[in-house]
Amino acid sequence: MIKVTHRLWYCKADKASGKPIIIQDLEKGTTTNTDCVDMKNINIRMAFKNSQGKAKASGATTILEVYKDE
């Protein structure tokens, strides 16, 4: 089974902080701001109008979803 483990999006409101990329870890239930993302051995999906929750509330319309095989 393949499941989404992370969601990533750009947040314009956080641009001034220097860390406008949001990483939502669905397994840990955490959200982190960063300026760079480096993940290995993953599958990704990105689609327009697939945002939900906090990402959608902040105005994001396109979310990168990270999957891992189980």
N, C-alpha and C. Protein backbone atom coordinates (compact mmCIF):
# COMPACT_ATOMS: atom_id res chain seq x y z
N MET A 1 0.85 -1.18 0.00
CA MET A 1 0.00 0.00 0.00
C MET A 1 0.89 1.24 0.00
N ILE A 2 0.46 2.25 -0.75
CA ILE A 2 1.17 3.52 -0.81
C ILE A 2 0.36 4.55 -0.03
N LYS A 3 1.03 5.32 0.85
CA LYS A 3 0.30 6.35 1.58
C LYS A 3 1.08 7.66 1.60
N VAL A 4 0.33 8.76 1.69
CA VAL A 4 0.95 10.09 1.75
C VAL A 4 1.58 10.26 3.12
N THR A 5 2.86 10.63 3.17
CA THR A 5 3.54 10.85 4.44
C THR A 5 3.81 12.32 4.71
N HIS A 6 3.93 13.13 3.65
CA HIS A 6 4.22 14.56 3.78
C HIS A 6 3.45 15.35 2.74
N ARG A 7 3.16 16.59 3.06
CA ARG A 7 2.63 17.55 2.10
C ARG A 7 3.53 18.78 2.17
N LEU A 8 3.85 19.35 1.01
CA LEU A 8 4.72 20.53 0.95
C LEU A 8 4.07 21.61 0.11
N TRP A 9 4.23 22.88 0.54
CA TRP A 9 3.72 24.00 -0.23
C TRP A 9 4.50 25.26 0.10
N TYR A 10 4.37 26.25 -0.78
CA TYR A 10 5.00 27.56 -0.61
C TYR A 10 4.00 28.50 0.06
N CYS A 11 4.44 29.25 1.04
CA CYS A 11 3.58 30.20 1.74
C CYS A 11 4.14 31.61 1.55
N LYS A 12 3.48 32.41 0.75
CA LYS A 12 3.94 33.77 0.45
C LYS A 12 4.08 34.62 1.72
N ALA A 13 3.17 34.41 2.69
CA ALA A 13 3.21 35.19 3.93
C ALA A 13 4.49 34.92 4.73
N ASP A 14 5.11 33.77 4.54
CA ASP A 14 6.34 33.42 5.26
C ASP A 14 7.61 33.76 4.47
N LYS A 15 7.47 34.39 3.30
CA LYS A 15 8.63 34.72 2.46
C LYS A 15 9.63 35.60 3.19
N ALA A 16 9.16 36.59 3.93
CA ALA A 16 10.05 37.51 4.65
C ALA A 16 10.87 36.80 5.73
N SER A 17 10.38 35.68 6.23
CA SER A 17 11.12 34.95 7.27
C SER A 17 12.33 34.21 6.70
N GLY A 18 12.35 34.07 5.36
CA GLY A 18 13.43 33.33 4.72
C GLY A 18 13.17 31.83 4.68
N LYS A 19 12.03 31.41 5.23
CA LYS A 19 11.67 29.99 5.23
C LYS A 19 10.22 29.83 4.78
N PRO A 20 9.96 30.06 3.47
CA PRO A 20 8.58 30.06 2.98
C PRO A 20 8.04 28.69 2.55
N ILE A 21 8.85 27.65 2.65
CA ILE A 21 8.38 26.31 2.28
C ILE A 21 7.86 25.62 3.53
N ILE A 22 6.63 25.14 3.47
CA ILE A 22 6.01 24.46 4.60
C ILE A 22 6.07 22.96 4.35
N ILE A 23 6.53 22.21 5.35
CA ILE A 23 6.54 20.75 5.28
C ILE A 23 5.62 20.24 6.37
N GLN A 24 4.56 19.55 5.96
CA GLN A 24 3.63 18.96 6.91
C GLN A 24 3.92 17.46 6.97
N ASP A 25 4.38 16.99 8.12
CA ASP A 25 4.67 15.58 8.33
C ASP A 25 3.40 14.92 8.87
N LEU A 26 2.73 14.15 8.05
CA LEU A 26 1.46 13.55 8.44
C LEU A 26 1.62 12.41 9.44
N GLU A 27 2.78 11.76 9.46
CA GLU A 27 3.02 10.68 10.41
C GLU A 27 3.27 11.21 11.82
N LYS A 28 4.03 12.31 11.91
CA LYS A 28 4.36 12.90 13.22
C LYS A 28 3.34 13.94 13.66
N GLY A 29 2.54 14.45 12.72
CA GLY A 29 1.58 15.49 13.05
C GLY A 29 2.23 16.85 13.27
N THR A 30 3.36 17.10 12.59
CA THR A 30 4.09 18.36 12.76
C THR A 30 4.11 19.17 11.46
N THR A 31 4.35 20.46 11.60
CA THR A 31 4.51 21.36 10.46
C THR A 31 5.79 22.16 10.70
N THR A 32 6.63 22.26 9.66
CA THR A 32 7.92 22.93 9.76
C THR A 32 8.10 23.90 8.60
N ASN A 33 8.67 25.06 8.87
CA ASN A 33 9.04 26.01 7.82
C ASN A 33 10.51 25.80 7.48
N THR A 34 10.85 25.91 6.19
CA THR A 34 12.23 25.74 5.75
C THR A 34 12.48 26.53 4.47
N ASP A 35 13.74 26.56 4.04
CA ASP A 35 14.07 27.20 2.77
C ASP A 35 14.58 26.18 1.75
N CYS A 36 14.66 24.91 2.16
CA CYS A 36 15.19 23.87 1.28
C CYS A 36 14.61 22.51 1.71
N VAL A 37 14.35 21.66 0.74
CA VAL A 37 13.84 20.32 1.02
C VAL A 37 14.70 19.32 0.27
N ASP A 38 15.16 18.29 0.96
CA ASP A 38 15.95 17.23 0.35
C ASP A 38 15.44 15.89 0.88
N MET A 39 14.77 15.13 0.04
CA MET A 39 14.25 13.82 0.42
C MET A 39 14.75 12.80 -0.60
N LYS A 40 14.98 11.59 -0.16
CA LYS A 40 15.48 10.54 -1.05
C LYS A 40 14.55 9.34 -1.04
N ASN A 41 14.55 8.62 -2.16
CA ASN A 41 13.77 7.39 -2.32
C ASN A 41 12.29 7.59 -2.03
N ILE A 42 11.71 8.55 -2.73
CA ILE A 42 10.30 8.88 -2.53
C ILE A 42 9.55 8.88 -3.86
N ASN A 43 8.25 8.84 -3.78
CA ASN A 43 7.36 9.05 -4.92
C ASN A 43 6.60 10.33 -4.62
N ILE A 44 6.38 11.14 -5.66
CA ILE A 44 5.67 12.41 -5.44
C ILE A 44 4.49 12.56 -6.39
N ARG A 45 3.57 13.41 -5.98
CA ARG A 45 2.42 13.78 -6.81
C ARG A 45 2.16 15.26 -6.55
N MET A 46 1.93 16.00 -7.63
CA MET A 46 1.59 17.41 -7.48
C MET A 46 0.40 17.69 -8.39
N ALA A 47 -0.62 18.33 -7.82
CA ALA A 47 -1.81 18.61 -8.61
C ALA A 47 -2.37 19.98 -8.24
N PHE A 48 -2.95 20.65 -9.23
CA PHE A 48 -3.59 21.94 -9.01
C PHE A 48 -4.92 21.71 -8.32
N LYS A 49 -5.23 22.55 -7.35
CA LYS A 49 -6.47 22.50 -6.57
C LYS A 49 -6.60 21.22 -5.75
N ASN A 50 -5.50 20.77 -5.15
CA ASN A 50 -5.56 19.59 -4.27
C ASN A 50 -5.28 19.95 -2.81
N SER A 51 -5.33 21.25 -2.49
CA SER A 51 -5.02 21.67 -1.11
C SER A 51 -6.17 21.38 -0.16
N GLN A 52 -5.79 21.25 1.11
CA GLN A 52 -6.78 21.03 2.17
C GLN A 52 -6.21 21.53 3.48
N GLY A 53 -7.07 21.67 4.47
CA GLY A 53 -6.64 22.07 5.81
C GLY A 53 -5.89 23.39 5.87
N LYS A 54 -4.77 23.38 6.61
CA LYS A 54 -3.98 24.59 6.84
C LYS A 54 -3.45 25.18 5.53
N ALA A 55 -3.05 24.33 4.61
CA ALA A 55 -2.53 24.80 3.32
C ALA A 55 -3.60 25.58 2.56
N LYS A 56 -4.79 25.04 2.52
CA LYS A 56 -5.88 25.69 1.81
C LYS A 56 -6.25 27.00 2.50
N ALA A 57 -6.27 27.00 3.82
CA ALA A 57 -6.60 28.20 4.58
C ALA A 57 -5.59 29.33 4.34
N SER A 58 -4.34 28.95 4.06
CA SER A 58 -3.31 29.97 3.83
C SER A 58 -3.27 30.43 2.38
N GLY A 59 -4.14 29.86 1.54
CA GLY A 59 -4.22 30.30 0.15
C GLY A 59 -3.50 29.40 -0.85
N ALA A 60 -2.87 28.34 -0.39
CA ALA A 60 -2.17 27.42 -1.30
C ALA A 60 -3.19 26.69 -2.16
N THR A 61 -2.89 26.54 -3.44
CA THR A 61 -3.79 25.83 -4.35
C THR A 61 -3.16 24.57 -4.92
N THR A 62 -1.85 24.46 -4.82
CA THR A 62 -1.13 23.33 -5.40
C THR A 62 -0.18 22.77 -4.37
N ILE A 63 -0.37 21.50 -4.01
CA ILE A 63 0.40 20.86 -2.95
C ILE A 63 1.21 19.70 -3.52
N LEU A 64 2.47 19.59 -3.10
CA LEU A 64 3.30 18.45 -3.45
C LEU A 64 3.09 17.39 -2.38
N GLU A 65 2.64 16.21 -2.78
CA GLU A 65 2.41 15.10 -1.84
C GLU A 65 3.54 14.10 -1.99
N VAL A 66 4.10 13.68 -0.87
CA VAL A 66 5.20 12.71 -0.83
C VAL A 66 4.65 11.38 -0.34
N TYR A 67 4.92 10.33 -1.08
CA TYR A 67 4.44 8.99 -0.75
C TYR A 67 5.60 8.07 -0.40
N LYS A 68 5.30 7.05 0.40
CA LYS A 68 6.28 5.98 0.61
C LYS A 68 5.56 4.66 0.47
N ASP A 69 6.28 3.68 -0.04
CA ASP A 69 5.73 2.33 -0.18
C ASP A 69 5.74 1.64 1.16
N GLU A 70 4.70 0.90 1.45
CA GLU A 70 4.66 0.12 2.70
C GLU A 70 4.53 -1.34 2.38
